[in-house]
Protein backbone atom coordinates (compact mmCIF):
# COMPACT_ATOMS: atom_id res chain seq x y z
CA MET A 1 7.65 -8.55 -5.99
CA ALA A 2 4.71 -6.43 -4.96
CA ARG A 3 1.64 -8.25 -3.71
CA SER A 4 -0.62 -6.62 -6.32
CA THR A 5 1.76 -7.66 -9.11
CA PHE A 6 1.71 -11.27 -7.93
CA TYR A 7 -2.10 -11.43 -7.93
CA TYR A 8 -2.28 -9.60 -11.25
CA HIS A 9 -0.10 -12.25 -12.92
CA LEU A 10 -1.91 -15.06 -11.10
CA LYS A 11 -5.18 -13.79 -12.52
CA GLN A 12 -3.68 -13.65 -16.02
CA LEU A 13 -2.85 -17.36 -15.87
CA LYS A 14 -5.65 -19.50 -17.22
CA LEU A 15 -6.09 -21.97 -14.38
CA PRO A 16 -8.46 -24.90 -14.83
CA ASP A 17 -11.99 -24.13 -13.65
CA LYS A 18 -12.45 -25.40 -10.11
CA TYR A 19 -16.21 -25.89 -10.54
CA ALA A 20 -16.36 -27.18 -14.14
CA ARG A 21 -18.13 -30.46 -13.22
CA GLU A 22 -20.54 -28.68 -10.89
CA LYS A 23 -21.45 -26.12 -13.57
CA GLU A 24 -22.15 -28.92 -16.01
CA GLN A 25 -24.37 -30.71 -13.48
CA ILE A 26 -26.21 -27.50 -12.59
CA GLY A 27 -26.91 -26.87 -16.28
CA SER A 28 -28.15 -30.42 -16.83
CA ILE A 29 -30.42 -30.34 -13.75
CA PHE A 30 -31.78 -26.96 -14.79
CA HIS A 31 -32.60 -28.14 -18.31
CA GLU A 32 -33.94 -31.54 -17.18
CA HIS A 33 -36.58 -29.72 -15.19
CA LYS A 34 -37.35 -27.22 -17.98
CA GLY A 35 -36.01 -24.19 -16.11
CA ARG A 36 -38.38 -24.57 -13.17
CA TYR A 37 -35.73 -25.35 -10.54
CA GLY A 38 -34.15 -22.51 -8.61
CA TYR A 39 -30.89 -22.64 -6.68
CA ARG A 40 -32.47 -24.27 -3.60
CA ARG A 41 -33.91 -27.22 -5.50
CA ILE A 42 -30.79 -27.54 -7.63
CA THR A 43 -28.71 -27.66 -4.43
CA ALA A 44 -30.91 -30.44 -3.05
CA GLU A 45 -30.64 -32.37 -6.33
CA MET A 46 -26.85 -31.91 -6.39
CA ASN A 47 -26.65 -33.28 -2.84
CA ASN A 48 -28.79 -36.25 -3.92
CA ARG A 49 -26.35 -36.91 -6.75
CA GLY A 50 -23.39 -36.99 -4.37
CA TYR A 51 -21.99 -33.46 -4.72
CA VAL A 52 -21.25 -31.68 -1.46
CA ILE A 53 -21.90 -28.05 -2.34
CA ASN A 54 -23.31 -25.04 -0.54
CA HIS A 55 -26.45 -23.30 -1.77
CA LYS A 56 -24.58 -19.99 -2.00
CA THR A 57 -22.02 -21.59 -4.31
CA VAL A 58 -24.80 -23.01 -6.47
CA LEU A 59 -26.37 -19.55 -6.71
CA LYS A 60 -23.01 -18.01 -7.63
CA LEU A 61 -22.38 -20.67 -10.31
CA MET A 62 -25.89 -20.23 -11.72
CA ASN A 63 -25.27 -16.48 -12.01
CA MET A 64 -21.92 -17.11 -13.72
CA CYS A 65 -23.60 -19.43 -16.23
CA GLY A 66 -26.51 -17.06 -16.78
CA ILE A 67 -29.05 -19.57 -15.50
CA LYS A 68 -32.10 -18.17 -13.74
CA CYS A 69 -35.37 -19.80 -12.78
CA LEU A 70 -38.35 -17.92 -14.15
CA VAL A 71 -41.51 -18.81 -12.29
CA ARG A 72 -44.15 -16.20 -12.87
CA LEU A 73 -46.60 -15.45 -10.11
CA LYS A 74 -50.20 -15.68 -11.23
CA LYS A 75 -52.31 -12.71 -10.28
CA TYR A 76 -55.57 -13.43 -8.52
CA LYS A 77 -58.58 -12.64 -10.66
CA SER A 78 -61.94 -12.89 -8.95
CA TYR A 79 -64.00 -12.19 -12.09
CA LYS A 80 -65.43 -15.42 -13.45
CA GLY A 81 -67.73 -13.92 -16.03
CA GLN A 82 -71.47 -13.40 -15.73
CA SER A 83 -72.97 -15.80 -13.22
CA GLY A 84 -76.62 -15.96 -12.33
CA LYS A 85 -79.32 -13.48 -13.26
CA ILE A 86 -78.59 -9.76 -13.05
CA ALA A 87 -81.56 -7.78 -11.80
CA ASP A 88 -82.87 -4.73 -13.63
CA ASN A 89 -81.28 -1.41 -12.71
CA LEU A 90 -84.21 0.33 -11.02
CA LEU A 91 -82.07 3.09 -9.51
CA GLN A 92 -80.80 4.41 -12.89
CA ARG A 93 -77.99 6.40 -11.21
CA GLN A 94 -80.44 8.57 -9.26
CA PHE A 95 -78.72 8.49 -5.88
CA LEU A 96 -81.03 10.92 -4.08
CA ALA A 97 -84.05 9.78 -2.10
CA GLY A 98 -87.01 11.95 -1.11
CA ARG A 99 -87.82 10.09 2.12
CA PRO A 100 -86.16 7.58 4.50
CA ASN A 101 -86.23 3.89 3.57
CA GLN A 102 -86.96 4.63 -0.09
CA LYS A 103 -83.59 3.66 -1.63
CA TRP A 104 -80.92 1.49 -0.04
CA VAL A 105 -77.58 0.52 -1.58
CA ILE A 106 -75.45 -2.46 -0.62
CA ASP A 107 -71.87 -3.42 -1.46
CA LEU A 108 -69.12 -5.80 -0.37
CA THR A 109 -65.64 -4.34 0.25
CA GLU A 110 -62.35 -6.08 1.04
CA PHE A 111 -59.91 -4.59 3.56
CA ASN A 112 -56.41 -5.69 4.48
CA ILE A 113 -55.78 -5.02 8.17
CA GLY A 114 -52.60 -6.30 9.76
CA GLY A 115 -51.96 -8.76 6.94
CA LYS A 116 -55.43 -10.26 7.33
CA LYS A 117 -58.29 -9.80 4.85
CA LEU A 118 -61.64 -8.65 6.20
CA TYR A 119 -64.85 -8.20 4.24
CA LEU A 120 -67.27 -5.37 5.06
CA SER A 121 -70.80 -5.42 3.76
CA PRO A 122 -72.83 -2.26 4.62
CA ILE A 123 -76.33 -1.08 3.69
CA MET A 124 -76.66 2.68 3.24
CA ASP A 125 -79.89 4.68 3.08
CA LEU A 126 -79.60 7.23 0.25
CA TYR A 127 -81.93 9.69 2.01
CA ASN A 128 -79.44 10.76 4.70
CA ARG A 129 -76.42 8.52 3.90
CA GLU A 130 -76.99 6.60 7.12
CA ILE A 131 -75.58 3.09 7.50
CA VAL A 132 -78.66 1.00 8.24
CA SER A 133 -76.80 -2.24 8.86
CA TYR A 134 -73.37 -3.74 8.29
CA ASN A 135 -71.52 -7.00 8.73
CA ILE A 136 -67.81 -7.87 8.89
CA SER A 137 -66.42 -11.34 8.20
CA GLU A 138 -63.14 -13.04 7.35
CA ARG A 139 -64.51 -14.74 4.22
CA PRO A 140 -66.90 -13.42 1.55
CA VAL A 141 -69.68 -15.96 2.00
CA PHE A 142 -73.33 -15.66 0.98
CA SER A 143 -74.58 -15.81 4.58
CA GLN A 144 -72.85 -12.50 5.38
CA PRO A 145 -75.11 -10.19 3.32
CA MET A 146 -78.17 -12.34 4.08
CA GLN A 147 -77.68 -11.94 7.84
CA MET A 148 -77.14 -8.21 7.37
CA LEU A 149 -80.33 -7.92 5.27
CA GLU A 150 -82.37 -9.71 7.92
CA GLU A 151 -81.11 -7.25 10.56
CA ALA A 152 -81.91 -4.28 8.31
CA PHE A 153 -85.41 -5.48 7.33
CA ALA A 154 -86.25 -5.99 11.01
CA LYS A 155 -85.80 -2.21 11.53
CA ILE A 156 -88.33 -1.03 8.94
CA PRO A 157 -92.12 -1.47 8.68
CA ASP A 158 -93.70 -3.62 5.97
CA LYS A 159 -94.85 -2.20 2.61
CA THR A 160 -92.43 0.74 2.41
CA ASP A 161 -91.88 0.41 -1.36
CA LEU A 162 -88.12 0.08 -0.76
CA ILE A 163 -85.59 -0.23 -3.60
CA LEU A 164 -82.50 -2.26 -2.62
CA HIS A 165 -79.67 -1.70 -5.11
CA SER A 166 -76.34 -3.52 -5.42
CA ASP A 167 -73.68 -3.47 -8.11
CA GLN A 168 -75.54 -6.40 -9.67
CA GLY A 169 -78.71 -4.37 -10.15
């Protein structure tokens, strides 16, 4: 008899399922925990219940049974609504200045460099697009722009009638 014929007929025989008990346990563990357990946690729970089974086998049996853990990742949303008082918009989208130190704009920008987040906070003079002052930090804390503002205000004389504009007005 040819080898392929032997395995063809062996496959046609309905042999008892080798992993019937394990499939039943996997299904019960999955439903006990409301579909939140993946194959790793199910494997640990099966081992706690006395079954000696590999995690790859558990994954294979879960796929055969159509069981899949669905844990959705929550996207980070930094917007928490309006907080504090928003200043009046004195700039009114007029981004040209007639003299130095008349209009400054400030912003906070997040960069990802080498898997690490950095926060850049520059002040730009709208007269010649010069960066007056900037600050880089690893966390967006209130002291970052305050320190940068102190450095920038130290460079200019008093009573210059300066407009400092941010995205909050």
